[in-house]
Amino acid sequence: MEFEFIRNTLMGEYYVKSSMGHEIVGRWLQEEIGKDWQKIEHVENLLEQVRQAPQLEHTLVGAEISLNAQGDEIIVQENVLGHGQEMDAGSEFDFYDSESTASCGIDDFEDLIEQWKTFLTTK
């Protein structure tokens, strides 16, 4: 999982570019979390809960993208994927779905959050 953080100093905006297959994680970080330190703290608290109770499913529902965590796996997906009917295997939406959901290990995800925090506080 590779990410590049970009700061537009003129507009005061932050962007996340991610490796192929993890675009939704970058979008989640950029759009759902952004520079909101309360949200970042909430994510860190959720990760701590996952560490303490890995057998339980922990969810952070966002406006468009949600995070699910259980055990040592993090799944980030667009909310619309959880509300539709099952698609046929091999459908034309498979490629789109691959950009709408991604998973990673909890350690990698925690590293991403730490890198984001460092990026936000570095001038």
PDB file of N, CA and C in Angstrom:
ATOM      1  N   MET A   1       0.850  -1.167   0.000  1.00  0.00           N
ATOM      2  CA  MET A   1       0.000   0.000   0.000  1.00  0.00           C
ATOM      3  C   MET A   1       0.901   1.237   0.000  1.00  0.00           C
ATOM      4  N   GLU A   2       0.881   1.959  -1.106  1.00  0.00           N
ATOM      5  CA  GLU A   2       1.705   3.162  -1.223  1.00  0.00           C
ATOM      6  C   GLU A   2       0.809   4.377  -1.409  1.00  0.00           C
ATOM      7  N   PHE A   3       1.185   5.453  -0.709  1.00  0.00           N
ATOM      8  CA  PHE A   3       0.418   6.685  -0.772  1.00  0.00           C
ATOM      9  C   PHE A   3       1.349   7.867  -0.931  1.00  0.00           C
ATOM     10  N   GLU A   4       0.845   8.882  -1.628  1.00  0.00           N
ATOM     11  CA  GLU A   4       1.547  10.149  -1.748  1.00  0.00           C
ATOM     12  C   GLU A   4       0.588  11.233  -1.287  1.00  0.00           C
ATOM     13  N   PHE A   5       1.065  12.066  -0.380  1.00  0.00           N
ATOM     14  CA  PHE A   5       0.244  13.156   0.136  1.00  0.00           C
ATOM     15  C   PHE A   5       0.682  14.449  -0.533  1.00  0.00           C
ATOM     16  N   ILE A   6      -0.307  15.234  -0.964  1.00  0.00           N
ATOM     17  CA  ILE A   6      -0.040  16.459  -1.705  1.00  0.00           C
ATOM     18  C   ILE A   6      -0.769  17.609  -1.016  1.00  0.00           C
ATOM     19  N   ARG A   7      -0.053  18.717  -0.857  1.00  0.00           N
ATOM     20  CA  ARG A   7      -0.627  19.909  -0.218  1.00  0.00           C
ATOM     21  C   ARG A   7      -0.696  21.027  -1.251  1.00  0.00           C
ATOM     22  N   ASN A   8      -1.878  21.602  -1.428  1.00  0.00           N
ATOM     23  CA  ASN A   8      -2.059  22.775  -2.272  1.00  0.00           C
ATOM     24  C   ASN A   8      -2.033  23.968  -1.324  1.00  0.00           C
ATOM     25  N   THR A   9      -0.889  24.615  -1.212  1.00  0.00           N
ATOM     26  CA  THR A   9      -0.732  25.703  -0.249  1.00  0.00           C
ATOM     27  C   THR A   9      -1.579  26.921  -0.594  1.00  0.00           C
ATOM     28  N   LEU A  10      -1.858  27.143  -1.880  1.00  0.00           N
ATOM     29  CA  LEU A  10      -2.680  28.291  -2.267  1.00  0.00           C
ATOM     30  C   LEU A  10      -4.124  28.134  -1.805  1.00  0.00           C
ATOM     31  N   MET A  11      -4.632  26.914  -1.902  1.00  0.00           N
ATOM     32  CA  MET A  11      -6.034  26.664  -1.553  1.00  0.00           C
ATOM     33  C   MET A  11      -6.192  26.091  -0.140  1.00  0.00           C
ATOM     34  N   GLY A  12      -5.099  25.676   0.478  1.00  0.00           N
ATOM     35  CA  GLY A  12      -5.180  25.074   1.799  1.00  0.00           C
ATOM     36  C   GLY A  12      -5.824  23.692   1.772  1.00  0.00           C
ATOM     37  N   GLU A  13      -5.689  22.998   0.639  1.00  0.00           N
ATOM     38  CA  GLU A  13      -6.311  21.684   0.482  1.00  0.00           C
ATOM     39  C   GLU A  13      -5.252  20.591   0.497  1.00  0.00           C
ATOM     40  N   TYR A  14      -5.699  19.394   0.864  1.00  0.00           N
ATOM     41  CA  TYR A  14      -4.815  18.242   0.938  1.00  0.00           C
ATOM     42  C   TYR A  14      -5.382  17.126   0.069  1.00  0.00           C
ATOM     43  N   TYR A  15      -4.488  16.420  -0.618  1.00  0.00           N
ATOM     44  CA  TYR A  15      -4.906  15.349  -1.512  1.00  0.00           C
ATOM     45  C   TYR A  15      -4.107  14.083  -1.209  1.00  0.00           C
ATOM     46  N   VAL A  16      -4.711  12.951  -1.541  1.00  0.00           N
ATOM     47  CA  VAL A  16      -4.066  11.667  -1.342  1.00  0.00           C
ATOM     48  C   VAL A  16      -4.074  10.917  -2.673  1.00  0.00           C
ATOM     49  N   LYS A  17      -2.901  10.518  -3.139  1.00  0.00           N
ATOM     50  CA  LYS A  17      -2.780   9.646  -4.307  1.00  0.00           C
ATOM     51  C   LYS A  17      -2.345   8.292  -3.770  1.00  0.00           C
ATOM     52  N   SER A  18      -2.952   7.234  -4.288  1.00  0.00           N
ATOM     53  CA  SER A  18      -2.653   5.904  -3.761  1.00  0.00           C
ATOM     54  C   SER A  18      -2.286   4.928  -4.862  1.00  0.00           C
ATOM     55  N   SER A  19      -1.692   3.833  -4.437  1.00  0.00           N
ATOM     56  CA  SER A  19      -1.343   2.777  -5.380  1.00  0.00           C
ATOM     57  C   SER A  19      -2.619   2.132  -5.908  1.00  0.00           C
ATOM     58  N   MET A  20      -2.505   1.527  -7.077  1.00  0.00           N
ATOM     59  CA  MET A  20      -3.654   0.875  -7.700  1.00  0.00           C
ATOM     60  C   MET A  20      -4.199  -0.212  -6.767  1.00  0.00           C
ATOM     61  N   GLY A  21      -5.497  -0.242  -6.655  1.00  0.00           N
ATOM     62  CA  GLY A  21      -6.150  -1.207  -5.780  1.00  0.00           C
ATOM     63  C   GLY A  21      -6.481  -0.649  -4.412  1.00  0.00           C
ATOM     64  N   HIS A  22      -5.905   0.511  -4.078  1.00  0.00           N
ATOM     65  CA  HIS A  22      -6.184   1.128  -2.780  1.00  0.00           C
ATOM     66  C   HIS A  22      -6.712   2.557  -2.935  1.00  0.00           C
ATOM     67  N   GLU A  23      -7.240   2.862  -4.117  1.00  0.00           N
ATOM     68  CA  GLU A  23      -7.754   4.208  -4.371  1.00  0.00           C
ATOM     69  C   GLU A  23      -8.838   4.605  -3.374  1.00  0.00           C
ATOM     70  N   ILE A  24      -9.673   3.662  -3.023  1.00  0.00           N
ATOM     71  CA  ILE A  24     -10.783   3.975  -2.107  1.00  0.00           C
ATOM     72  C   ILE A  24     -10.267   4.348  -0.724  1.00  0.00           C
ATOM     73  N   VAL A  25      -9.133   3.780  -0.319  1.00  0.00           N
ATOM     74  CA  VAL A  25      -8.546   4.125   0.980  1.00  0.00           C
ATOM     75  C   VAL A  25      -8.075   5.574   0.946  1.00  0.00           C
ATOM     76  N   GLY A  26      -7.439   5.962  -0.161  1.00  0.00           N
ATOM     77  CA  GLY A  26      -7.019   7.350  -0.321  1.00  0.00           C
ATOM     78  C   GLY A  26      -8.194   8.307  -0.330  1.00  0.00           C
ATOM     79  N   ARG A  27      -9.245   7.930  -1.047  1.00  0.00           N
ATOM     80  CA  ARG A  27     -10.458   8.772  -1.073  1.00  0.00           C
ATOM     81  C   ARG A  27     -11.066   8.886   0.310  1.00  0.00           C
ATOM     82  N   TRP A  28     -11.123   7.766   1.043  1.00  0.00           N
ATOM     83  CA  TRP A  28     -11.679   7.783   2.396  1.00  0.00           C
ATOM     84  C   TRP A  28     -10.891   8.746   3.276  1.00  0.00           C
ATOM     85  N   LEU A  29      -9.573   8.660   3.216  1.00  0.00           N
ATOM     86  CA  LEU A  29      -8.732   9.523   4.040  1.00  0.00           C
ATOM     87  C   LEU A  29      -8.913  10.985   3.656  1.00  0.00           C
ATOM     88  N   GLN A  30      -8.955  11.256   2.372  1.00  0.00           N
ATOM     89  CA  GLN A  30      -9.091  12.626   1.878  1.00  0.00           C
ATOM     90  C   GLN A  30     -10.480  13.195   2.133  1.00  0.00           C
ATOM     91  N   GLU A  31     -11.523  12.422   1.813  1.00  0.00           N
ATOM     92  CA  GLU A  31     -12.884  12.953   1.835  1.00  0.00           C
ATOM     93  C   GLU A  31     -13.603  12.775   3.169  1.00  0.00           C
ATOM     94  N   GLU A  32     -13.385  11.655   3.828  1.00  0.00           N
ATOM     95  CA  GLU A  32     -14.121  11.383   5.065  1.00  0.00           C
ATOM     96  C   GLU A  32     -13.386  11.864   6.320  1.00  0.00           C
ATOM     97  N   ILE A  33     -12.058  11.853   6.287  1.00  0.00           N
ATOM     98  CA  ILE A  33     -11.268  12.223   7.458  1.00  0.00           C
ATOM     99  C   ILE A  33     -10.658  13.605   7.288  1.00  0.00           C
ATOM    100  N   GLY A  34      -9.928  13.796   6.208  1.00  0.00           N
ATOM    101  CA  GLY A  34      -9.341  15.099   5.904  1.00  0.00           C
ATOM    102  C   GLY A  34      -8.451  15.621   7.011  1.00  0.00           C
ATOM    103  N   LYS A  35      -8.593  16.909   7.324  1.00  0.00           N
ATOM    104  CA  LYS A  35      -7.777  17.572   8.333  1.00  0.00           C
ATOM    105  C   LYS A  35      -8.479  17.629   9.686  1.00  0.00           C
ATOM    106  N   ASP A  36      -9.563  16.903   9.832  1.00  0.00           N
ATOM    107  CA  ASP A  36     -10.367  16.937  11.057  1.00  0.00           C
ATOM    108  C   ASP A  36      -9.719  16.065  12.139  1.00  0.00           C
ATOM    109  N   TRP A  37      -9.074  16.708  13.102  1.00  0.00           N
ATOM    110  CA  TRP A  37      -8.347  15.992  14.146  1.00  0.00           C
ATOM    111  C   TRP A  37      -9.268  15.155  15.026  1.00  0.00           C
ATOM    112  N   GLN A  38     -10.513  15.576  15.189  1.00  0.00           N
ATOM    113  CA  GLN A  38     -11.466  14.756  15.951  1.00  0.00           C
ATOM    114  C   GLN A  38     -11.742  13.447  15.237  1.00  0.00           C
ATOM    115  N   LYS A  39     -11.875  13.493  13.928  1.00  0.00           N
ATOM    116  CA  LYS A  39     -12.104  12.274  13.146  1.00  0.00           C
ATOM    117  C   LYS A  39     -10.872  11.375  13.189  1.00  0.00           C
ATOM    118  N   ILE A  40      -9.694  11.979  13.105  1.00  0.00           N
ATOM    119  CA  ILE A  40      -8.458  11.195  13.176  1.00  0.00           C
ATOM    120  C   ILE A  40      -8.377  10.492  14.528  1.00  0.00           C
ATOM    121  N   GLU A  41      -8.685  11.202  15.580  1.00  0.00           N
ATOM    122  CA  GLU A  41      -8.680  10.608  16.925  1.00  0.00           C
ATOM    123  C   GLU A  41      -9.723   9.494  17.028  1.00  0.00           C
ATOM    124  N   HIS A  42     -10.872   9.705  16.418  1.00  0.00           N
ATOM    125  CA  HIS A  42     -11.928   8.684  16.415  1.00  0.00           C
ATOM    126  C   HIS A  42     -11.438   7.405  15.723  1.00  0.00           C
ATOM    127  N   VAL A  43     -10.730   7.555  14.613  1.00  0.00           N
ATOM    128  CA  VAL A  43     -10.179   6.402  13.901  1.00  0.00           C
ATOM    129  C   VAL A  43      -9.155   5.691  14.781  1.00  0.00           C
ATOM    130  N   GLU A  44      -8.305   6.454  15.434  1.00  0.00           N
ATOM    131  CA  GLU A  44      -7.302   5.846  16.319  1.00  0.00           C
ATOM    132  C   GLU A  44      -7.966   5.097  17.471  1.00  0.00           C
ATOM    133  N   ASN A  45      -9.028   5.662  18.022  1.00  0.00           N
ATOM    134  CA  ASN A  45      -9.768   4.981  19.087  1.00  0.00           C
ATOM    135  C   ASN A  45     -10.412   3.695  18.574  1.00  0.00           C
ATOM    136  N   LEU A  46     -10.947   3.746  17.369  1.00  0.00           N
ATOM    137  CA  LEU A  46     -11.543   2.546  16.780  1.00  0.00           C
ATOM    138  C   LEU A  46     -10.491   1.454  16.597  1.00  0.00           C
ATOM    139  N   LEU A  47      -9.306   1.833  16.141  1.00  0.00           N
ATOM    140  CA  LEU A  47      -8.233   0.860  15.957  1.00  0.00           C
ATOM    141  C   LEU A  47      -7.809   0.252  17.292  1.00  0.00           C
ATOM    142  N   GLU A  48      -7.810   1.052  18.330  1.00  0.00           N
ATOM    143  CA  GLU A  48      -7.491   0.527  19.664  1.00  0.00           C
ATOM    144  C   GLU A  48      -8.567  -0.467  20.110  1.00  0.00           C
ATOM    145  N   GLN A  49      -9.822  -0.168  19.827  1.00  0.00           N
ATOM    146  CA  GLN A  49     -10.913  -1.091  20.158  1.00  0.00           C
ATOM    147  C   GLN A  49     -10.747  -2.410  19.403  1.00  0.00           C
ATOM    148  N   VAL A  50     -10.315  -2.332  18.154  1.00  0.00           N
ATOM    149  CA  VAL A  50     -10.086  -3.535  17.356  1.00  0.00           C
ATOM    150  C   VAL A  50      -8.980  -4.365  17.994  1.00  0.00           C
ATOM    151  N   ARG A  51      -7.933  -3.701  18.446  1.00  0.00           N
ATOM    152  CA  ARG A  51      -6.826  -4.415  19.098  1.00  0.00           C
ATOM    153  C   ARG A  51      -7.306  -5.107  20.382  1.00  0.00           C
ATOM    154  N   GLN A  52      -8.201  -4.450  21.112  1.00  0.00           N
ATOM    155  CA  GLN A  52      -8.679  -4.994  22.386  1.00  0.00           C
ATOM    156  C   GLN A  52      -9.734  -6.080  22.198  1.00  0.00           C
ATOM    157  N   ALA A  53     -10.525  -5.979  21.145  1.00  0.00           N
ATOM    158  CA  ALA A  53     -11.590  -6.955  20.896  1.00  0.00           C
ATOM    159  C   ALA A  53     -11.586  -7.345  19.418  1.00  0.00           C
ATOM    160  N   PRO A  54     -10.573  -8.096  18.977  1.00  0.00           N
ATOM    161  CA  PRO A  54     -10.450  -8.411  17.552  1.00  0.00           C
ATOM    162  C   PRO A  54     -11.553  -9.321  17.018  1.00  0.00           C
ATOM    163  N   GLN A  55     -12.251 -10.004  17.886  1.00  0.00           N
ATOM    164  CA  GLN A  55     -13.312 -10.909  17.439  1.00  0.00           C
ATOM    165  C   GLN A  55     -14.578 -10.141  17.047  1.00  0.00           C
ATOM    166  N   LEU A  56     -14.693  -8.896  17.456  1.00  0.00           N
ATOM    167  CA  LEU A  56     -15.862  -8.080  17.134  1.00  0.00           C
ATOM    168  C   LEU A  56     -15.628  -7.287  15.858  1.00  0.00           C
ATOM    169  N   GLU A  57     -16.719  -6.982  15.151  1.00  0.00           N
ATOM    170  CA  GLU A  57     -16.630  -6.130  13.971  1.00  0.00           C
ATOM    171  C   GLU A  57     -16.835  -4.686  14.419  1.00  0.00           C
ATOM    172  N   HIS A  58     -15.937  -3.832  13.990  1.00  0.00           N
ATOM    173  CA  HIS A  58     -15.985  -2.409  14.337  1.00  0.00           C
ATOM    174  C   HIS A  58     -16.188  -1.632  13.045  1.00  0.00           C
ATOM    175  N   THR A  59     -17.119  -0.681  13.070  1.00  0.00           N
ATOM    176  CA  THR A  59     -17.470   0.046  11.859  1.00  0.00           C
ATOM    177  C   THR A  59     -17.447   1.544  12.107  1.00  0.00           C
ATOM    178  N   LEU A  60     -16.944   2.263  11.141  1.00  0.00           N
ATOM    179  CA  LEU A  60     -16.983   3.718  11.135  1.00  0.00           C
ATOM    180  C   LEU A  60     -17.679   4.117   9.841  1.00  0.00           C
ATOM    181  N   VAL A  61     -18.936   4.530   9.950  1.00  0.00           N
ATOM    182  CA  VAL A  61     -19.739   4.862   8.773  1.00  0.00           C
ATOM    183  C   VAL A  61     -19.496   6.316   8.396  1.00  0.00           C
ATOM    184  N   GLY A  62     -19.093   6.519   7.151  1.00  0.00           N
ATOM    185  CA  GLY A  62     -18.884   7.861   6.636  1.00  0.00           C
ATOM    186  C   GLY A  62     -20.038   8.278   5.747  1.00  0.00           C
ATOM    187  N   ALA A  63     -19.982   9.481   5.253  1.00  0.00           N
ATOM    188  CA  ALA A  63     -21.040   9.990   4.386  1.00  0.00           C
ATOM    189  C   ALA A  63     -21.150   9.178   3.100  1.00  0.00           C
ATOM    190  N   GLU A  64     -19.998   8.822   2.514  1.00  0.00           N
ATOM    191  CA  GLU A  64     -19.994   8.045   1.269  1.00  0.00           C
ATOM    192  C   GLU A  64     -19.153   6.785   1.349  1.00  0.00           C
ATOM    193  N   ILE A  65     -18.168   6.770   2.257  1.00  0.00           N
ATOM    194  CA  ILE A  65     -17.235   5.655   2.357  1.00  0.00           C
ATOM    195  C   ILE A  65     -17.132   5.236   3.814  1.00  0.00           C
ATOM    196  N   SER A  66     -17.180   3.940   4.059  1.00  0.00           N
ATOM    197  CA  SER A  66     -17.120   3.434   5.431  1.00  0.00           C
ATOM    198  C   SER A  66     -15.922   2.516   5.626  1.00  0.00           C
ATOM    199  N   LEU A  67     -15.558   2.367   6.887  1.00  0.00           N
ATOM    200  CA  LEU A  67     -14.446   1.516   7.277  1.00  0.00           C
ATOM    201  C   LEU A  67     -14.979   0.416   8.175  1.00  0.00           C
ATOM    202  N   ASN A  68     -14.611  -0.822   7.899  1.00  0.00           N
ATOM    203  CA  ASN A  68     -14.957  -1.966   8.742  1.00  0.00           C
ATOM    204  C   ASN A  68     -13.662  -2.617   9.185  1.00  0.00           C
ATOM    205  N   ALA A  69     -13.585  -2.980  10.449  1.00  0.00           N
ATOM    206  CA  ALA A  69     -12.379  -3.607  10.975  1.00  0.00           C
ATOM    207  C   ALA A  69     -12.754  -4.785  11.854  1.00  0.00           C
ATOM    208  N   GLN A  70     -12.021  -5.871  11.654  1.00  0.00           N
ATOM    209  CA  GLN A  70     -12.200  -7.049  12.493  1.00  0.00           C
ATOM    210  C   GLN A  70     -10.903  -7.838  12.448  1.00  0.00           C
ATOM    211  N   GLY A  71     -10.459  -8.260  13.608  1.00  0.00           N
ATOM    212  CA  GLY A  71      -9.207  -9.001  13.664  1.00  0.00           C
ATOM    213  C   GLY A  71      -8.065  -8.118  13.213  1.00  0.00           C
ATOM    214  N   ASP A  72      -7.320  -8.572  12.235  1.00  0.00           N
ATOM    215  CA  ASP A  72      -6.204  -7.778  11.734  1.00  0.00           C
ATOM    216  C   ASP A  72      -6.462  -7.245  10.328  1.00  0.00           C
ATOM    217  N   GLU A  73      -7.742  -7.181   9.927  1.00  0.00           N
ATOM    218  CA  GLU A  73      -8.087  -6.725   8.587  1.00  0.00           C
ATOM    219  C   GLU A  73      -8.964  -5.479   8.628  1.00  0.00           C
ATOM    220  N   ILE A  74      -8.633  -4.547   7.760  1.00  0.00           N
ATOM    221  CA  ILE A  74      -9.400  -3.320   7.562  1.00  0.00           C
ATOM    222  C   ILE A  74      -9.990  -3.386   6.163  1.00  0.00           C
ATOM    223  N   ILE A  75     -11.291  -3.105   6.060  1.00  0.00           N
ATOM    224  CA  ILE A  75     -11.951  -3.040   4.754  1.00  0.00           C
ATOM    225  C   ILE A  75     -12.563  -1.651   4.616  1.00  0.00           C
ATOM    226  N   VAL A  76     -12.252  -0.993   3.517  1.00  0.00           N
ATOM    227  CA  VAL A  76     -12.792   0.325   3.205  1.00  0.00           C
ATOM    228  C   VAL A  76     -13.614   0.164   1.936  1.00  0.00           C
ATOM    229  N   GLN A  77     -14.877   0.624   1.992  1.00  0.00           N
ATOM    230  CA  GLN A  77     -15.716   0.489   0.800  1.00  0.00           C
ATOM    231  C   GLN A  77     -16.763   1.585   0.737  1.00  0.00           C
ATOM    232  N   GLU A  78     -17.176   1.845  -0.492  1.00  0.00           N
ATOM    233  CA  GLU A  78     -18.250   2.821  -0.696  1.00  0.00           C
ATOM    234  C   GLU A  78     -19.526   2.286  -0.083  1.00  0.00           C
ATOM    235  N   ASN A  79     -20.287   3.164   0.524  1.00  0.00           N
ATOM    236  CA  ASN A  79     -21.522   2.755   1.189  1.00  0.00           C
ATOM    237  C   ASN A  79     -22.526   2.126   0.238  1.00  0.00           C
ATOM    238  N   VAL A  80     -22.550   2.553  -1.017  1.00  0.00           N
ATOM    239  CA  VAL A  80     -23.526   2.005  -1.965  1.00  0.00           C
ATOM    240  C   VAL A  80     -23.321   0.519  -2.205  1.00  0.00           C
ATOM    241  N   LEU A  81     -22.113   0.008  -2.000  1.00  0.00           N
ATOM    242  CA  LEU A  81     -21.855  -1.418  -2.221  1.00  0.00           C
ATOM    243  C   LEU A  81     -22.557  -2.288  -1.189  1.00  0.00           C
ATOM    244  N   GLY A  82     -22.795  -1.747  -0.029  1.00  0.00           N
ATOM    245  CA  GLY A  82     -23.445  -2.529   1.018  1.00  0.00           C
ATOM    246  C   GLY A  82     -24.954  -2.534   0.922  1.00  0.00           C
ATOM    247  N   HIS A  83     -25.506  -1.782  -0.025  1.00  0.00           N
ATOM    248  CA  HIS A  83     -26.961  -1.651  -0.093  1.00  0.00           C
ATOM    249  C   HIS A  83     -27.583  -2.235  -1.351  1.00  0.00           C
ATOM    250  N   GLY A  84     -26.770  -2.791  -2.219  1.00  0.00           N
ATOM    251  CA  GLY A  84     -27.317  -3.275  -3.490  1.00  0.00           C
ATOM    252  C   GLY A  84     -27.487  -4.766  -3.510  1.00  0.00           C
ATOM    253  N   GLN A  85     -27.950  -5.234  -4.648  1.00  0.00           N
ATOM    254  CA  GLN A  85     -28.077  -6.662  -4.857  1.00  0.00           C
ATOM    255  C   GLN A  85     -26.718  -7.213  -5.263  1.00  0.00           C
ATOM    256  N   GLU A  86     -26.555  -8.500  -5.099  1.00  0.00           N
ATOM    257  CA  GLU A  86     -25.319  -9.157  -5.520  1.00  0.00           C
ATOM    258  C   GLU A  86     -25.192  -9.062  -7.036  1.00  0.00           C
ATOM    259  N   MET A  87     -23.998  -8.727  -7.487  1.00  0.00           N
ATOM    260  CA  MET A  87     -23.734  -8.667  -8.922  1.00  0.00           C
ATOM    261  C   MET A  87     -23.278 -10.049  -9.384  1.00  0.00           C
ATOM    262  N   ASP A  88     -23.539 -10.360 -10.627  1.00  0.00           N
ATOM    263  CA  ASP A  88     -23.046 -11.610 -11.194  1.00  0.00           C
ATOM    264  C   ASP A  88     -21.527 -11.554 -11.294  1.00  0.00           C
ATOM    265  N   ALA A  89     -20.895 -12.686 -11.042  1.00  0.00           N
ATOM    266  CA  ALA A  89     -19.448 -12.771 -11.212  1.00  0.00           C
ATOM    267  C   ALA A  89     -19.122 -12.519 -12.672  1.00  0.00           C
ATOM    268  N   GLY A  90     -18.070 -11.738 -12.908  1.00  0.00           N
ATOM    269  CA  GLY A  90     -17.675 -11.449 -14.282  1.00  0.00           C
ATOM    270  C   GLY A  90     -18.482 -10.343 -14.929  1.00  0.00           C
ATOM    271  N   SER A  91     -19.263  -9.602 -14.168  1.00  0.00           N
ATOM    272  CA  SER A  91     -20.059  -8.528 -14.760  1.00  0.00           C
ATOM    273  C   SER A  91     -19.172  -7.354 -15.123  1.00  0.00           C
ATOM    274  N   GLU A  92     -19.718  -6.425 -15.883  1.00  0.00           N
ATOM    275  CA  GLU A  92     -18.955  -5.253 -16.306  1.00  0.00           C
ATOM    276  C   GLU A  92     -18.647  -4.325 -15.142  1.00  0.00           C
ATOM    277  N   PHE A  93     -19.232  -4.565 -13.969  1.00  0.00           N
ATOM    278  CA  PHE A  93     -18.996  -3.725 -12.804  1.00  0.00           C
ATOM    279  C   PHE A  93     -17.831  -4.215 -11.952  1.00  0.00           C
ATOM    280  N   ASP A  94     -17.231  -5.349 -12.289  1.00  0.00           N
ATOM    281  CA  ASP A  94     -16.123  -5.884 -11.494  1.00  0.00           C
ATOM    282  C   ASP A  94     -14.977  -4.894 -11.365  1.00  0.00           C
ATOM    283  N   PHE A  95     -14.593  -4.251 -12.472  1.00  0.00           N
ATOM    284  CA  PHE A  95     -13.493  -3.296 -12.424  1.00  0.00           C
ATOM    285  C   PHE A  95     -13.870  -2.109 -11.553  1.00  0.00           C
ATOM    286  N   TYR A  96     -15.085  -1.611 -11.697  1.00  0.00           N
ATOM    287  CA  TYR A  96     -15.541  -0.491 -10.888  1.00  0.00           C
ATOM    288  C   TYR A  96     -15.529  -0.870  -9.414  1.00  0.00           C
ATOM    289  N   ASP A  97     -16.025  -2.062  -9.101  1.00  0.00           N
ATOM    290  CA  ASP A  97     -16.051  -2.506  -7.709  1.00  0.00           C
ATOM    291  C   ASP A  97     -14.653  -2.601  -7.128  1.00  0.00           C
ATOM    292  N   SER A  98     -13.664  -2.951  -7.960  1.00  0.00           N
ATOM    293  CA  SER A  98     -12.303  -3.056  -7.457  1.00  0.00           C
ATOM    294  C   SER A  98     -11.766  -1.689  -7.035  1.00  0.00           C
ATOM    295  N   GLU A  99     -12.322  -0.617  -7.568  1.00  0.00           N
ATOM    296  CA  GLU A  99     -11.932   0.730  -7.156  1.00  0.00           C
ATOM    297  C   GLU A  99     -12.828   1.252  -6.041  1.00  0.00           C
ATOM    298  N   SER A 100     -13.831   0.484  -5.646  1.00  0.00           N
ATOM    299  CA  SER A 100     -14.791   0.913  -4.641  1.00  0.00           C
ATOM    300  C   SER A 100     -14.642   0.190  -3.316  1.00  0.00           C
ATOM    301  N   THR A 101     -13.754  -0.779  -3.269  1.00  0.00           N
ATOM    302  CA  THR A 101     -13.498  -1.501  -2.026  1.00  0.00           C
ATOM    303  C   THR A 101     -12.041  -1.933  -1.995  1.00  0.00           C
ATOM    304  N   ALA A 102     -11.461  -1.929  -0.818  1.00  0.00           N
ATOM    305  CA  ALA A 102     -10.075  -2.361  -0.655  1.00  0.00           C
ATOM    306  C   ALA A 102      -9.894  -2.851   0.771  1.00  0.00           C
ATOM    307  N   SER A 103      -8.923  -3.725   0.938  1.00  0.00           N
ATOM    308  CA  SER A 103      -8.614  -4.206   2.281  1.00  0.00           C
ATOM    309  C   SER A 103      -7.113  -4.130   2.505  1.00  0.00           C
ATOM    310  N   CYS A 104      -6.748  -4.093   3.777  1.00  0.00           N
ATOM    311  CA  CYS A 104      -5.336  -4.074   4.152  1.00  0.00           C
ATOM    312  C   CYS A 104      -5.237  -4.552   5.595  1.00  0.00           C
ATOM    313  N   GLY A 105      -4.033  -4.780   6.028  1.00  0.00           N
ATOM    314  CA  GLY A 105      -3.799  -5.189   7.402  1.00  0.00           C
ATOM    315  C   GLY A 105      -3.879  -4.000   8.347  1.00  0.00           C
ATOM    316  N   ILE A 106      -4.178  -4.281   9.597  1.00  0.00           N
ATOM    317  CA  ILE A 106      -4.327  -3.209  10.584  1.00  0.00           C
ATOM    318  C   ILE A 106      -3.016  -2.463  10.803  1.00  0.00           C
ATOM    319  N   ASP A 107      -1.876  -3.166  10.751  1.00  0.00           N
ATOM    320  CA  ASP A 107      -0.586  -2.501  10.947  1.00  0.00           C
ATOM    321  C   ASP A 107      -0.312  -1.497   9.833  1.00  0.00           C
ATOM    322  N   ASP A 108      -0.557  -1.901   8.590  1.00  0.00           N
ATOM    323  CA  ASP A 108      -0.375  -0.988   7.455  1.00  0.00           C
ATOM    324  C   ASP A 108      -1.311   0.210   7.564  1.00  0.00           C
ATOM    325  N   PHE A 109      -2.539  -0.046   8.003  1.00  0.00           N
ATOM    326  CA  PHE A 109      -3.512   1.030   8.117  1.00  0.00           C
ATOM    327  C   PHE A 109      -3.101   2.018   9.213  1.00  0.00           C
ATOM    328  N   GLU A 110      -2.620   1.499  10.331  1.00  0.00           N
ATOM    329  CA  GLU A 110      -2.137   2.386  11.400  1.00  0.00           C
ATOM    330  C   GLU A 110      -0.949   3.224  10.919  1.00  0.00           C
ATOM    331  N   ASP A 111      -0.064   2.612  10.128  1.00  0.00           N
ATOM    332  CA  ASP A 111       1.057   3.366   9.563  1.00  0.00           C
ATOM    333  C   ASP A 111       0.558   4.498   8.668  1.00  0.00           C
ATOM    334  N   LEU A 112      -0.463   4.219   7.869  1.00  0.00           N
ATOM    335  CA  LEU A 112      -1.046   5.240   6.999  1.00  0.00           C
ATOM    336  C   LEU A 112      -1.577   6.418   7.821  1.00  0.00           C
ATOM    337  N   ILE A 113      -2.298   6.130   8.880  1.00  0.00           N
ATOM    338  CA  ILE A 113      -2.855   7.195   9.729  1.00  0.00           C
ATOM    339  C   ILE A 113      -1.725   8.020  10.359  1.00  0.00           C
ATOM    340  N   GLU A 114      -0.669   7.362  10.817  1.00  0.00           N
ATOM    341  CA  GLU A 114       0.476   8.073  11.400  1.00  0.00           C
ATOM    342  C   GLU A 114       1.158   8.960  10.358  1.00  0.00           C
ATOM    343  N   GLN A 115       1.326   8.438   9.138  1.00  0.00           N
ATOM    344  CA  GLN A 115       1.935   9.228   8.065  1.00  0.00           C
ATOM    345  C   GLN A 115       1.072  10.444   7.729  1.00  0.00           C
ATOM    346  N   TRP A 116      -0.242  10.261   7.722  1.00  0.00           N
ATOM    347  CA  TRP A 116      -1.170  11.363   7.438  1.00  0.00           C
ATOM    348  C   TRP A 116      -1.054  12.435   8.520  1.00  0.00           C
ATOM    349  N   LYS A 117      -1.002  12.032   9.775  1.00  0.00           N
ATOM    350  CA  LYS A 117      -0.868  12.987  10.871  1.00  0.00           C
ATOM    351  C   LYS A 117       0.447  13.774  10.751  1.00  0.00           C
ATOM    352  N   THR A 118       1.513  13.063  10.432  1.00  0.00           N
ATOM    353  CA  THR A 118       2.814  13.720  10.263  1.00  0.00           C
ATOM    354  C   THR A 118       2.760  14.712   9.104  1.00  0.00           C
ATOM    355  N   PHE A 119       2.153  14.306   8.004  1.00  0.00           N
ATOM    356  CA  PHE A 119       2.012  15.179   6.846  1.00  0.00           C
ATOM    357  C   PHE A 119       1.235  16.439   7.202  1.00  0.00           C
ATOM    358  N   LEU A 120       0.144  16.295   7.939  1.00  0.00           N
ATOM    359  CA  LEU A 120      -0.688  17.452   8.276  1.00  0.00           C
ATOM    360  C   LEU A 120       0.031  18.440   9.194  1.00  0.00           C
ATOM    361  N   THR A 121       0.960  17.958   9.992  1.00  0.00           N
ATOM    362  CA  THR A 121       1.645  18.849  10.949  1.00  0.00           C
ATOM    363  C   THR A 121       2.975  19.365  10.429  1.00  0.00           C
ATOM    364  N   THR A 122       3.416  18.894   9.269  1.00  0.00           N
ATOM    365  CA  THR A 122       4.685  19.337   8.675  1.00  0.00           C
ATOM    366  C   THR A 122       4.429  20.500   7.732  1.00  0.00           C
ATOM    367  N   LYS A 123       5.215  21.511   7.862  1.00  0.00           N
ATOM    368  CA  LYS A 123       5.050  22.697   6.998  1.00  0.00           C
ATOM    369  C   LYS A 123       5.769  22.541   5.690  1.00  0.00           C
TER     370      LYS A 123
END
